Structures are given as structure tokens and as C-alpha cells.
Amino acid sequence: MSFVAILLSYLIGSISFGYILGKVARGIDVRKHGSGNVGTTNILRTLGFLPALVVLILDIAKGVLPVLLGNWLTGSPTVAMLCGIFAVLGHNWPLYFGWKGGRGIATSLGVVLAFNPTAFIVLFLFGLTVIFIFRYVSLASVVGSAFFPLVLWVFRGSAHLEPERNVILLSILLSILAIGRHRENIERLLKGTERKIGERVKYQ
């Protein structure tokens, strides 16, 4: 059942809501505009606030559902975390959309939410604070990802799923994956060329 849960999680993660909404709402491939990914930030730049909010909620749900599915099918928090990781892998490299997806932050937040709502709230508010002060979503994503395993460990007493030691170790892998997907953003941040939130993208 573990293999089935993990496979289903990857397939769920591969549903690119940002791509679908771009096609339905504007008839465009959002991967050819702005930053070129299907995540919330690029949807905000290309389509506006409401579509971005819809994508944010759906991408978070993509992280929650696989974790709950993995726990329901196996009863193992470790397998549940693996399901969350594979959902993020599906989001980043989607089977249905030519392996070109997003950076997985919203889906990773969904994984956090399924395990520990308190940790989710802390990370979400922390991210909003960084964005409000510096106006860089990527900076909030990178710093929040770095602190994710620590926050999950600190607030483990309020968890929905008991965070076994393996879960904490796997959360480090999820953190590394998220930071690695932002390597180009990190380079632009260091050079001072990273786009700030609120900058719109023009498209034909």
C-alpha cells in the first residue's frame, strides 16, 4: 500500500492548477511568461490576485491530500511524509505537463499543514512578514524552507500526525528540495535583480 500511496501522491501533485487556470482564464501558457513556472507568484504577475489566490489554495490542498491519503492507507507518518514529498516532486516535475512545473512552496506548505497546523501558521505568517518587509516572495520561500524542519520539531506537540524521527529527517529533505529549486532566485537576490512582488508581466 505504501507504493500505491506514493504513486497516487505524485500523480496528484502533477496536476498543474496554474497551467490549467492560465489556459482557461486567458488562453495562455503561463510557463512562457514571467518566471516561467506555474506557482502562485507567477500567476499573480501574469493573471492577477484572484487567480493567484485560487492557485495558492489548490496547490496547498495538493500537499494536504497526499499526506492524509498516505496516513489513511498505511497508518505510517513516515509514509505520509514521503507522500508529501512525492506530491511536491509531482508539482515541480509534472507528468502531465512535460515535466515543467513550479517550485513547490505552496504544496510544501500543504504538507506542513497536514502534519502540524501550528507550524503551518507560524511559517505562513513568517513568510508574509518577510514579503511585507522586503517584497521578495523568493526570499520568504527560501528562509521559510530553511526553518521548516526546526519549526516542525519545535511544535511537534501540536501535530495532527506524530512526527517520528524519520519524519523530521525527511522534512530536511523537503527543505533542501525547496531551496534547491530557488537557486536561480538566490543568485538574482544576491545580484539585486530579483523581481519584487506586485510587478506585473505583460503578455500578448
C-alpha atoms as a PDB file:
ATOM      1  CA  MET A   1       0.000   0.000   0.000  1.00  0.00           C
ATOM      2  CA  SER A   2       2.940   2.320   0.577  1.00  0.00           C
ATOM      3  CA  PHE A   3       3.909   2.202  -3.107  1.00  0.00           C
ATOM      4  CA  VAL A   4       0.311   2.872  -4.168  1.00  0.00           C
ATOM      5  CA  ALA A   5       0.044   5.835  -1.799  1.00  0.00           C
ATOM      6  CA  ILE A   6       3.320   7.332  -3.023  1.00  0.00           C
ATOM      7  CA  LEU A   7       2.416   6.835  -6.689  1.00  0.00           C
ATOM      8  CA  LEU A   8      -1.010   8.428  -6.217  1.00  0.00           C
ATOM      9  CA  SER A   9       0.640  11.316  -4.397  1.00  0.00           C
ATOM     10  CA  TYR A  10       2.947  12.013  -7.323  1.00  0.00           C
ATOM     11  CA  LEU A  11       0.022  11.899  -9.753  1.00  0.00           C
ATOM     12  CA  ILE A  12      -1.989  14.295  -7.577  1.00  0.00           C
ATOM     13  CA  GLY A  13       0.989  16.636  -7.331  1.00  0.00           C
ATOM     14  CA  SER A  14       1.357  16.574 -11.120  1.00  0.00           C
ATOM     15  CA  ILE A  15      -1.939  18.444 -11.587  1.00  0.00           C
ATOM     16  CA  SER A  16      -0.710  21.946 -12.522  1.00  0.00           C
ATOM     17  CA  PHE A  17      -3.564  24.188 -11.478  1.00  0.00           C
ATOM     18  CA  GLY A  18      -1.640  27.301 -12.515  1.00  0.00           C
ATOM     19  CA  TYR A  19      -1.225  25.982 -16.059  1.00  0.00           C
ATOM     20  CA  ILE A  20      -4.884  24.934 -16.261  1.00  0.00           C
ATOM     21  CA  LEU A  21      -6.139  28.279 -14.961  1.00  0.00           C
ATOM     22  CA  GLY A  22      -3.897  30.193 -17.375  1.00  0.00           C
ATOM     23  CA  LYS A  23      -5.355  28.260 -20.299  1.00  0.00           C
ATOM     24  CA  VAL A  24      -8.954  28.587 -19.094  1.00  0.00           C
ATOM     25  CA  ALA A  25      -8.848  32.213 -17.970  1.00  0.00           C
ATOM     26  CA  ARG A  26      -6.575  33.820 -20.584  1.00  0.00           C
ATOM     27  CA  GLY A  27      -5.742  31.144 -23.126  1.00  0.00           C
ATOM     28  CA  ILE A  28      -2.039  31.363 -22.333  1.00  0.00           C
ATOM     29  CA  ASP A  29       0.674  29.005 -21.168  1.00  0.00           C
ATOM     30  CA  VAL A  30       1.912  30.747 -18.020  1.00  0.00           C
ATOM     31  CA  ARG A  31       5.179  28.827 -18.331  1.00  0.00           C
ATOM     32  CA  LYS A  32       6.019  31.081 -21.285  1.00  0.00           C
ATOM     33  CA  HIS A  33       5.537  34.272 -19.274  1.00  0.00           C
ATOM     34  CA  GLY A  34       7.162  35.874 -16.267  1.00  0.00           C
ATOM     35  CA  SER A  35       9.332  33.451 -14.326  1.00  0.00           C
ATOM     36  CA  GLY A  36       8.090  30.543 -16.415  1.00  0.00           C
ATOM     37  CA  ASN A  37       6.646  28.435 -13.632  1.00  0.00           C
ATOM     38  CA  VAL A  38       3.101  27.553 -12.609  1.00  0.00           C
ATOM     39  CA  GLY A  39       3.242  28.698  -8.979  1.00  0.00           C
ATOM     40  CA  THR A  40       1.295  31.382  -7.156  1.00  0.00           C
ATOM     41  CA  THR A  41       3.834  34.174  -7.628  1.00  0.00           C
ATOM     42  CA  ASN A  42       3.945  33.865 -11.404  1.00  0.00           C
ATOM     43  CA  ILE A  43       0.159  33.556 -11.566  1.00  0.00           C
ATOM     44  CA  LEU A  44      -0.067  36.804  -9.578  1.00  0.00           C
ATOM     45  CA  ARG A  45       2.201  38.534 -12.072  1.00  0.00           C
ATOM     46  CA  THR A  46       0.516  37.161 -15.178  1.00  0.00           C
ATOM     47  CA  LEU A  47      -3.160  36.758 -14.235  1.00  0.00           C
ATOM     48  CA  GLY A  48      -3.751  38.843 -11.111  1.00  0.00           C
ATOM     49  CA  PHE A  49      -4.692  38.442  -7.460  1.00  0.00           C
ATOM     50  CA  LEU A  50      -7.847  36.294  -7.583  1.00  0.00           C
ATOM     51  CA  PRO A  51      -6.408  33.598  -9.888  1.00  0.00           C
ATOM     52  CA  ALA A  52      -3.260  33.572  -7.749  1.00  0.00           C
ATOM     53  CA  LEU A  53      -5.340  33.045  -4.598  1.00  0.00           C
ATOM     54  CA  VAL A  54      -7.208  30.159  -6.234  1.00  0.00           C
ATOM     55  CA  VAL A  55      -3.929  28.526  -7.304  1.00  0.00           C
ATOM     56  CA  LEU A  56      -2.430  29.035  -3.836  1.00  0.00           C
ATOM     57  CA  ILE A  57      -5.351  27.265  -2.162  1.00  0.00           C
ATOM     58  CA  LEU A  58      -5.395  24.400  -4.672  1.00  0.00           C
ATOM     59  CA  ASP A  59      -1.619  23.916  -4.530  1.00  0.00           C
ATOM     60  CA  ILE A  60      -1.737  23.806  -0.722  1.00  0.00           C
ATOM     61  CA  ALA A  61      -4.510  21.211  -0.999  1.00  0.00           C
ATOM     62  CA  LYS A  62      -2.189  19.166  -3.249  1.00  0.00           C
ATOM     63  CA  GLY A  63       0.132  18.856  -0.277  1.00  0.00           C
ATOM     64  CA  VAL A  64      -2.540  18.120   2.311  1.00  0.00           C
ATOM     65  CA  LEU A  65      -4.401  15.380   0.435  1.00  0.00           C
ATOM     66  CA  PRO A  66      -1.430  13.048  -0.271  1.00  0.00           C
ATOM     67  CA  VAL A  67      -0.283  13.202   3.357  1.00  0.00           C
ATOM     68  CA  LEU A  68      -3.756  12.304   4.616  1.00  0.00           C
ATOM     69  CA  LEU A  69      -4.036   9.621   1.938  1.00  0.00           C
ATOM     70  CA  GLY A  70      -0.701   8.073   2.898  1.00  0.00           C
ATOM     71  CA  ASN A  71      -1.615   8.060   6.583  1.00  0.00           C
ATOM     72  CA  TRP A  72      -5.047   6.575   5.855  1.00  0.00           C
ATOM     73  CA  LEU A  73      -3.695   3.793   3.642  1.00  0.00           C
ATOM     74  CA  THR A  74      -0.701   2.834   5.795  1.00  0.00           C
ATOM     75  CA  GLY A  75      -1.065   4.453   9.228  1.00  0.00           C
ATOM     76  CA  SER A  76       2.584   5.485   8.996  1.00  0.00           C
ATOM     77  CA  PRO A  77       3.633   9.138   9.450  1.00  0.00           C
ATOM     78  CA  THR A  78       6.877   8.302   7.637  1.00  0.00           C
ATOM     79  CA  VAL A  79       5.000   7.089   4.560  1.00  0.00           C
ATOM     80  CA  ALA A  80       2.709  10.117   4.869  1.00  0.00           C
ATOM     81  CA  MET A  81       5.733  12.433   4.701  1.00  0.00           C
ATOM     82  CA  LEU A  82       7.084  10.501   1.712  1.00  0.00           C
ATOM     83  CA  CYS A  83       3.701  11.010   0.043  1.00  0.00           C
ATOM     84  CA  GLY A  84       4.023  14.731   0.706  1.00  0.00           C
ATOM     85  CA  ILE A  85       7.497  14.810  -0.811  1.00  0.00           C
ATOM     86  CA  PHE A  86       6.324  12.971  -3.928  1.00  0.00           C
ATOM     87  CA  ALA A  87       3.400  15.389  -4.261  1.00  0.00           C
ATOM     88  CA  VAL A  88       5.959  18.222  -4.293  1.00  0.00           C
ATOM     89  CA  LEU A  89       8.046  16.322  -6.851  1.00  0.00           C
ATOM     90  CA  GLY A  90       4.909  15.998  -8.980  1.00  0.00           C
ATOM     91  CA  HIS A  91       4.265  19.726  -8.711  1.00  0.00           C
ATOM     92  CA  ASN A  92       7.843  20.548  -9.663  1.00  0.00           C
ATOM     93  CA  TRP A  93       8.125  17.969 -12.448  1.00  0.00           C
ATOM     94  CA  PRO A  94       4.539  17.138 -13.520  1.00  0.00           C
ATOM     95  CA  LEU A  95       3.927  14.012 -15.538  1.00  0.00           C
ATOM     96  CA  TYR A  96       1.036  15.558 -17.497  1.00  0.00           C
ATOM     97  CA  PHE A  97       2.703  18.832 -18.487  1.00  0.00           C
ATOM     98  CA  GLY A  98       6.104  17.981 -19.939  1.00  0.00           C
ATOM     99  CA  TRP A  99       7.898  17.824 -16.565  1.00  0.00           C
ATOM    100  CA  LYS A 100       7.809  21.633 -16.308  1.00  0.00           C
ATOM    101  CA  GLY A 101       6.134  22.847 -13.126  1.00  0.00           C
ATOM    102  CA  GLY A 102       6.711  25.152 -10.187  1.00  0.00           C
ATOM    103  CA  ARG A 103       8.968  25.397  -7.154  1.00  0.00           C
ATOM    104  CA  GLY A 104       6.729  23.564  -4.725  1.00  0.00           C
ATOM    105  CA  ILE A 105       6.435  26.051  -1.867  1.00  0.00           C
ATOM    106  CA  ALA A 106       2.621  26.103  -1.613  1.00  0.00           C
ATOM    107  CA  THR A 107       2.458  22.310  -1.902  1.00  0.00           C
ATOM    108  CA  SER A 108       5.173  22.024   0.761  1.00  0.00           C
ATOM    109  CA  LEU A 109       3.075  24.286   2.992  1.00  0.00           C
ATOM    110  CA  GLY A 110       0.214  21.868   2.425  1.00  0.00           C
ATOM    111  CA  VAL A 111       2.415  19.056   3.715  1.00  0.00           C
ATOM    112  CA  VAL A 112       3.197  21.134   6.803  1.00  0.00           C
ATOM    113  CA  LEU A 113      -0.499  21.886   7.311  1.00  0.00           C
ATOM    114  CA  ALA A 114      -1.438  18.201   7.183  1.00  0.00           C
ATOM    115  CA  PHE A 115       1.173  17.347   9.804  1.00  0.00           C
ATOM    116  CA  ASN A 116       1.025  20.375  12.043  1.00  0.00           C
ATOM    117  CA  PRO A 117      -1.421  23.313  11.689  1.00  0.00           C
ATOM    118  CA  THR A 118       0.515  25.340  14.263  1.00  0.00           C
ATOM    119  CA  ALA A 119       3.758  25.010  12.321  1.00  0.00           C
ATOM    120  CA  PHE A 120       1.848  25.954   9.156  1.00  0.00           C
ATOM    121  CA  ILE A 121       0.509  29.142  10.743  1.00  0.00           C
ATOM    122  CA  VAL A 122       3.943  30.100  12.077  1.00  0.00           C
ATOM    123  CA  LEU A 123       5.646  29.578   8.700  1.00  0.00           C
ATOM    124  CA  PHE A 124       2.842  31.276   6.760  1.00  0.00           C
ATOM    125  CA  LEU A 125       2.867  34.365   8.993  1.00  0.00           C
ATOM    126  CA  PHE A 126       6.655  34.441   8.932  1.00  0.00           C
ATOM    127  CA  GLY A 127       6.593  34.335   5.137  1.00  0.00           C
ATOM    128  CA  LEU A 128       4.038  37.142   4.945  1.00  0.00           C
ATOM    129  CA  THR A 129       6.191  39.247   7.269  1.00  0.00           C
ATOM    130  CA  VAL A 130       9.291  38.779   5.120  1.00  0.00           C
ATOM    131  CA  ILE A 131       7.283  39.611   1.984  1.00  0.00           C
ATOM    132  CA  PHE A 132       5.803  42.722   3.628  1.00  0.00           C
ATOM    133  CA  ILE A 133       9.220  43.999   4.702  1.00  0.00           C
ATOM    134  CA  PHE A 134      11.373  43.046   1.697  1.00  0.00           C
ATOM    135  CA  ARG A 135       8.760  42.401  -1.051  1.00  0.00           C
ATOM    136  CA  TYR A 136      10.575  39.276  -2.237  1.00  0.00           C
ATOM    137  CA  VAL A 137       8.482  36.116  -2.311  1.00  0.00           C
ATOM    138  CA  SER A 138      11.547  34.058  -3.137  1.00  0.00           C
ATOM    139  CA  LEU A 139      13.366  35.313  -0.031  1.00  0.00           C
ATOM    140  CA  ALA A 140      10.404  34.330   2.142  1.00  0.00           C
ATOM    141  CA  SER A 141      10.290  30.927   0.459  1.00  0.00           C
ATOM    142  CA  VAL A 142      13.988  30.201   0.931  1.00  0.00           C
ATOM    143  CA  VAL A 143      14.192  31.357   4.549  1.00  0.00           C
ATOM    144  CA  GLY A 144      10.901  29.664   5.453  1.00  0.00           C
ATOM    145  CA  SER A 145      12.078  26.427   3.851  1.00  0.00           C
ATOM    146  CA  ALA A 146      15.316  26.555   5.825  1.00  0.00           C
ATOM    147  CA  PHE A 147      13.396  26.855   9.094  1.00  0.00           C
ATOM    148  CA  PHE A 148      10.689  24.310   8.205  1.00  0.00           C
ATOM    149  CA  PRO A 149      12.294  21.236   9.883  1.00  0.00           C
ATOM    150  CA  LEU A 150      13.076  23.239  13.033  1.00  0.00           C
ATOM    151  CA  VAL A 151       9.538  24.636  13.285  1.00  0.00           C
ATOM    152  CA  LEU A 152       8.041  21.182  12.720  1.00  0.00           C
ATOM    153  CA  TRP A 153      10.221  19.804  15.522  1.00  0.00           C
ATOM    154  CA  VAL A 154       9.525  22.667  17.962  1.00  0.00           C
ATOM    155  CA  PHE A 155       5.755  22.411  17.538  1.00  0.00           C
ATOM    156  CA  ARG A 156       5.625  18.618  17.327  1.00  0.00           C
ATOM    157  CA  GLY A 157       3.415  18.502  20.426  1.00  0.00           C
ATOM    158  CA  SER A 158       0.535  20.116  18.488  1.00  0.00           C
ATOM    159  CA  ALA A 159       0.848  17.819  15.472  1.00  0.00           C
ATOM    160  CA  HIS A 160      -2.050  16.029  13.778  1.00  0.00           C
ATOM    161  CA  LEU A 161       0.352  13.229  12.876  1.00  0.00           C
ATOM    162  CA  GLU A 162       3.008  12.204  15.377  1.00  0.00           C
ATOM    163  CA  PRO A 163       6.317  13.420  13.876  1.00  0.00           C
ATOM    164  CA  GLU A 164       8.532  10.370  14.159  1.00  0.00           C
ATOM    165  CA  ARG A 165      12.274  10.867  13.887  1.00  0.00           C
ATOM    166  CA  ASN A 166      12.119   9.733  10.253  1.00  0.00           C
ATOM    167  CA  VAL A 167       9.537  12.437   9.549  1.00  0.00           C
ATOM    168  CA  ILE A 168      11.865  15.156  10.841  1.00  0.00           C
ATOM    169  CA  LEU A 169      14.724  13.759   8.740  1.00  0.00           C
ATOM    170  CA  LEU A 170      12.516  13.652   5.658  1.00  0.00           C
ATOM    171  CA  SER A 171      11.398  17.224   6.342  1.00  0.00           C
ATOM    172  CA  ILE A 172      15.058  18.222   5.939  1.00  0.00           C
ATOM    173  CA  LEU A 173      14.994  16.592   2.500  1.00  0.00           C
ATOM    174  CA  LEU A 174      11.847  18.573   1.654  1.00  0.00           C
ATOM    175  CA  SER A 175      13.590  21.749   2.821  1.00  0.00           C
ATOM    176  CA  ILE A 176      16.660  21.048   0.671  1.00  0.00           C
ATOM    177  CA  LEU A 177      14.418  20.340  -2.326  1.00  0.00           C
ATOM    178  CA  ALA A 178      12.606  23.671  -1.914  1.00  0.00           C
ATOM    179  CA  ILE A 179      15.807  25.676  -1.502  1.00  0.00           C
ATOM    180  CA  GLY A 180      17.418  23.901  -4.457  1.00  0.00           C
ATOM    181  CA  ARG A 181      14.511  24.879  -6.691  1.00  0.00           C
ATOM    182  CA  HIS A 182      15.225  28.524  -5.817  1.00  0.00           C
ATOM    183  CA  ARG A 183      18.908  28.533  -6.748  1.00  0.00           C
ATOM    184  CA  GLU A 184      18.335  30.954  -9.641  1.00  0.00           C
ATOM    185  CA  ASN A 185      16.270  33.213  -7.386  1.00  0.00           C
ATOM    186  CA  ILE A 186      19.057  33.156  -4.814  1.00  0.00           C
ATOM    187  CA  GLU A 187      21.538  34.228  -7.468  1.00  0.00           C
ATOM    188  CA  ARG A 188      19.251  37.100  -8.523  1.00  0.00           C
ATOM    189  CA  LEU A 189      18.727  38.129  -4.910  1.00  0.00           C
ATOM    190  CA  LEU A 190      22.480  38.331  -4.428  1.00  0.00           C
ATOM    191  CA  LYS A 191      22.809  40.380  -7.630  1.00  0.00           C
ATOM    192  CA  GLY A 192      19.852  42.622  -6.753  1.00  0.00           C
ATOM    193  CA  THR A 193      17.968  41.693  -9.931  1.00  0.00           C
ATOM    194  CA  GLU A 194      15.157  39.610  -8.411  1.00  0.00           C
ATOM    195  CA  ARG A 195      11.618  40.823  -9.181  1.00  0.00           C
ATOM    196  CA  LYS A 196       9.617  42.155  -6.264  1.00  0.00           C
ATOM    197  CA  ILE A 197       6.020  41.182  -5.602  1.00  0.00           C
ATOM    198  CA  GLY A 198       3.458  43.337  -7.375  1.00  0.00           C
ATOM    199  CA  GLU A 199       5.382  43.640 -10.642  1.00  0.00           C
ATOM    200  CA  ARG A 200       3.044  42.623 -13.434  1.00  0.00           C
ATOM    201  CA  VAL A 201       4.047  40.805 -16.583  1.00  0.00           C
ATOM    202  CA  LYS A 202       2.812  41.939 -19.974  1.00  0.00           C
ATOM    203  CA  TYR A 203       1.861  39.266 -22.487  1.00  0.00           C
ATOM    204  CA  GLN A 204       0.319  39.097 -25.890  1.00  0.00           C
END
